Amino acid sequence: MKLKSIMSKAATLLLIVVFLIVAFSVVVSKASGGAPKMLGYEIKIVLSGSMEPGIKTGSIVAIKPGGDMNRFKVGDVVTFKDMENRLITHRIVEVGTKDRQQLYTTKGDNNPTADVNRVPADRIVGQYSGFTIPYLGYGMDFANSKQGSLLLLVPGLLFLLYSIVTIWKAISDLEKKKAEPLTPQNPNPDTLA
């Protein structure tokens, strides 16, 4: 019975933490008008399986933006914009130069061949940090939608209502305790017998 209670509390805590992370990320991304940022890293959602099994579809990844985009070497995992300006996270498999510009050949770990177009250094957004949380991206993607924003609003309002009721009840209990008549067994309620 005690183990069940501990597991229930742990599951509740985990759900609260996940909810807070998703809610914080959505608020930050809406406020900044771009990708959520935490501690200098941008949080991106992975929407394909090209980097599985290392990075699962629906995961979130942290990338480090900025810096010298000519610094990358074979084996580095980078996030870049393709020709249609979609963000892609793939591994560098070859480094070359053309007209004094660094070009990278990239490939998804789960793809059989390298990407057709080489990536110029100026199209790289940042380097994958190695930090990923599987499946949390599904929640963040949904939370960024209109339906998801409304759905996040409901638990937030319920949590606020619960807090108000709890505070109200605590104040009522204190007032009742003060209003109780003094009894002969305990004439002073602030002292113990």
Protein backbone atom coordinates (compact mmCIF):
# COMPACT_ATOMS: atom_id res chain seq x y z
CA MET A 1 0.00 0.00 0.00
CA LYS A 2 2.85 2.37 0.86
CA LEU A 3 4.66 1.58 -2.45
CA LYS A 4 1.47 2.34 -4.38
CA SER A 5 1.19 5.70 -2.64
CA ILE A 6 4.83 6.56 -3.39
CA MET A 7 4.46 5.56 -7.04
CA SER A 8 1.26 7.61 -7.34
CA LYS A 9 2.98 10.68 -5.90
CA ALA A 10 6.01 10.18 -8.18
CA ALA A 11 3.78 9.87 -11.26
CA THR A 12 1.86 13.00 -10.25
CA LEU A 13 5.10 14.92 -9.72
CA LEU A 14 6.43 13.76 -13.10
CA LEU A 15 3.23 14.87 -14.86
CA ILE A 16 3.39 18.26 -13.14
CA VAL A 17 7.03 18.72 -14.19
CA VAL A 18 6.26 17.76 -17.80
CA PHE A 19 3.24 20.09 -17.82
CA LEU A 20 5.34 22.97 -16.44
CA ILE A 21 8.13 22.39 -19.00
CA VAL A 22 5.66 22.33 -21.89
CA ALA A 23 3.74 25.34 -20.56
CA PHE A 24 6.95 27.30 -19.98
CA SER A 25 8.23 26.46 -23.45
CA VAL A 26 4.98 27.50 -25.09
CA VAL A 27 4.83 30.79 -23.17
CA VAL A 28 8.47 31.58 -24.00
CA SER A 29 8.05 30.73 -27.69
CA LYS A 30 4.82 32.78 -27.96
CA ALA A 31 6.40 35.73 -26.15
CA SER A 32 9.60 35.71 -28.20
CA GLY A 33 7.88 34.88 -31.48
CA GLY A 34 10.38 32.10 -32.14
CA ALA A 35 11.80 28.89 -30.74
CA PRO A 36 11.89 28.51 -26.96
CA LYS A 37 15.31 29.21 -25.45
CA MET A 38 16.70 27.88 -22.18
CA LEU A 39 20.16 28.62 -20.79
CA GLY A 40 21.43 29.76 -24.20
CA TYR A 41 20.10 26.72 -26.07
CA GLU A 42 17.20 26.65 -28.52
CA ILE A 43 14.64 23.90 -28.11
CA LYS A 44 13.57 22.27 -31.39
CA ILE A 45 10.98 19.59 -32.09
CA VAL A 46 12.01 16.60 -34.23
CA LEU A 47 9.21 15.71 -36.63
CA SER A 48 10.81 12.88 -38.64
CA GLY A 49 12.61 9.61 -37.99
CA SER A 50 15.71 10.41 -40.03
CA MET A 51 17.96 10.44 -36.95
CA GLU A 52 16.52 7.39 -35.19
CA PRO A 53 17.37 5.52 -33.05
CA GLY A 54 19.49 8.25 -31.41
CA ILE A 55 16.88 10.98 -31.77
CA LYS A 56 13.34 9.66 -31.86
CA THR A 57 10.45 11.17 -33.80
CA GLY A 58 8.53 13.54 -31.53
CA SER A 59 11.54 14.32 -29.33
CA ILE A 60 12.76 17.74 -28.36
CA VAL A 61 16.43 18.55 -28.83
CA ALA A 62 18.60 21.39 -27.56
CA ILE A 63 20.85 23.10 -30.07
CA LYS A 64 23.54 25.69 -29.43
CA PRO A 65 23.04 28.56 -31.89
CA GLY A 66 25.67 30.96 -33.16
CA GLY A 67 29.42 30.89 -33.26
CA ASP A 68 31.69 30.19 -36.21
CA MET A 69 29.64 28.07 -38.59
CA ASN A 70 32.83 26.93 -40.36
CA ARG A 71 34.00 25.03 -37.26
CA PHE A 72 32.11 21.79 -37.80
CA LYS A 73 33.76 18.50 -38.64
CA VAL A 74 32.68 15.04 -39.77
CA GLY A 75 30.50 13.42 -37.12
CA ASP A 76 29.00 16.65 -35.72
CA VAL A 77 25.21 16.84 -35.68
CA VAL A 78 23.88 20.21 -36.83
CA THR A 79 20.52 21.85 -37.42
CA PHE A 80 20.24 23.73 -40.70
CA LYS A 81 17.70 25.28 -43.05
CA ASP A 82 17.16 23.40 -46.30
CA MET A 83 16.24 25.02 -49.62
CA GLU A 84 12.59 25.36 -48.49
CA ASN A 85 13.68 26.90 -45.16
CA ARG A 86 12.62 23.83 -43.17
CA LEU A 87 14.76 23.02 -40.16
CA ILE A 88 16.60 19.71 -40.40
CA THR A 89 18.92 18.05 -37.89
CA HIS A 90 21.43 15.67 -39.52
CA ARG A 91 24.99 14.45 -39.08
CA ILE A 92 27.88 15.87 -41.14
CA VAL A 93 29.47 13.11 -43.22
CA GLU A 94 31.80 15.22 -45.38
CA VAL A 95 33.31 18.70 -45.26
CA GLY A 96 34.32 20.55 -48.41
CA THR A 97 34.97 24.02 -49.77
CA LYS A 98 33.72 25.80 -52.88
CA ASP A 99 34.52 29.42 -53.76
CA ARG A 100 36.11 29.82 -50.30
CA GLN A 101 32.85 28.83 -48.62
CA GLN A 102 32.58 25.84 -46.30
CA LEU A 103 30.06 23.24 -47.53
CA TYR A 104 28.80 20.29 -45.52
CA THR A 105 27.38 17.02 -46.77
CA THR A 106 24.82 15.78 -44.26
CA LYS A 107 22.93 12.55 -43.69
CA GLY A 108 20.26 11.35 -41.29
CA ASP A 109 21.53 8.39 -39.24
CA ASN A 110 18.46 6.41 -40.30
CA ASN A 111 18.65 7.39 -43.98
CA PRO A 112 20.33 5.05 -46.49
CA THR A 113 22.08 7.86 -48.41
CA ALA A 114 23.45 11.34 -47.80
CA ASP A 115 21.30 14.41 -48.45
CA VAL A 116 21.33 15.54 -52.09
CA ASN A 117 22.15 19.21 -51.47
CA ARG A 118 25.28 20.26 -49.63
CA VAL A 119 24.72 22.75 -46.81
CA PRO A 120 26.59 26.09 -46.90
CA ALA A 121 27.89 27.26 -43.52
CA ASP A 122 25.55 30.27 -43.53
CA ARG A 123 22.46 27.98 -43.55
CA ILE A 124 23.44 26.25 -40.31
CA VAL A 125 21.37 27.36 -37.32
CA GLY A 126 23.29 25.58 -34.56
CA GLN A 127 24.91 22.42 -33.25
CA TYR A 128 23.02 19.62 -31.52
CA SER A 129 24.08 19.51 -27.86
CA GLY A 130 23.34 15.83 -27.27
CA PHE A 131 20.36 16.68 -25.02
CA THR A 132 17.05 15.15 -26.07
CA ILE A 133 13.79 14.21 -24.38
CA PRO A 134 11.84 11.58 -26.32
CA TYR A 135 8.19 12.25 -27.24
CA LEU A 136 7.91 15.60 -25.41
CA GLY A 137 7.91 17.31 -28.81
CA TYR A 138 4.46 15.90 -29.56
CA GLY A 139 3.11 17.74 -26.52
CA MET A 140 4.95 20.95 -27.37
CA ASP A 141 3.80 20.83 -30.99
CA PHE A 142 0.19 20.36 -29.87
CA ALA A 143 0.54 23.04 -27.18
CA ASN A 144 1.74 25.53 -29.83
CA SER A 145 -1.50 25.01 -31.78
CA LYS A 146 -4.66 27.02 -31.04
CA GLN A 147 -6.40 23.96 -29.61
CA GLY A 148 -3.38 23.18 -27.46
CA SER A 149 -3.16 26.74 -26.13
CA LEU A 150 -6.80 26.52 -25.06
CA LEU A 151 -6.21 23.11 -23.53
CA LEU A 152 -3.26 24.48 -21.51
CA LEU A 153 -5.45 27.32 -20.31
CA VAL A 154 -7.97 24.93 -18.71
CA PRO A 155 -5.50 23.15 -16.34
CA GLY A 156 -3.95 26.52 -15.51
CA LEU A 157 -7.34 27.92 -14.51
CA LEU A 158 -8.20 24.75 -12.56
CA PHE A 159 -4.87 24.99 -10.70
CA LEU A 160 -5.59 28.66 -9.89
CA LEU A 161 -9.11 27.78 -8.68
CA TYR A 162 -7.74 24.93 -6.55
CA SER A 163 -5.21 27.32 -4.99
CA ILE A 164 -7.91 29.87 -4.18
CA VAL A 165 -10.16 27.22 -2.59
CA THR A 166 -7.25 25.82 -0.54
CA ILE A 167 -6.27 29.26 0.74
CA TRP A 168 -9.92 30.11 1.50
CA LYS A 169 -10.34 26.85 3.45
CA ALA A 170 -7.14 27.45 5.45
CA ILE A 171 -8.26 30.96 6.39
CA SER A 172 -11.74 29.68 7.38
CA ASP A 173 -10.19 26.98 9.59
CA LEU A 174 -8.02 29.59 11.34
CA GLU A 175 -11.03 31.86 11.95
CA LYS A 176 -13.06 28.93 13.36
CA LYS A 177 -10.21 28.03 15.70
CA LYS A 178 -10.02 31.61 17.00
CA ALA A 179 -13.80 31.77 17.45
CA GLU A 180 -14.01 28.54 19.50
CA PRO A 181 -14.96 29.18 23.13
CA LEU A 182 -12.35 28.49 25.76
CA THR A 183 -12.91 25.20 27.54
CA PRO A 184 -12.04 24.41 31.17
CA GLN A 185 -9.62 21.66 30.08
CA ASN A 186 -7.62 24.13 27.98
CA PRO A 187 -8.36 27.73 29.01
CA ASN A 188 -5.58 29.11 26.78
CA PRO A 189 -5.63 27.58 23.25
CA ASP A 190 -2.05 28.72 22.61
CA THR A 191 -0.59 26.54 25.39
CA LEU A 192 -0.44 22.80 25.62
CA ALA A 193 -1.63 20.87 28.67
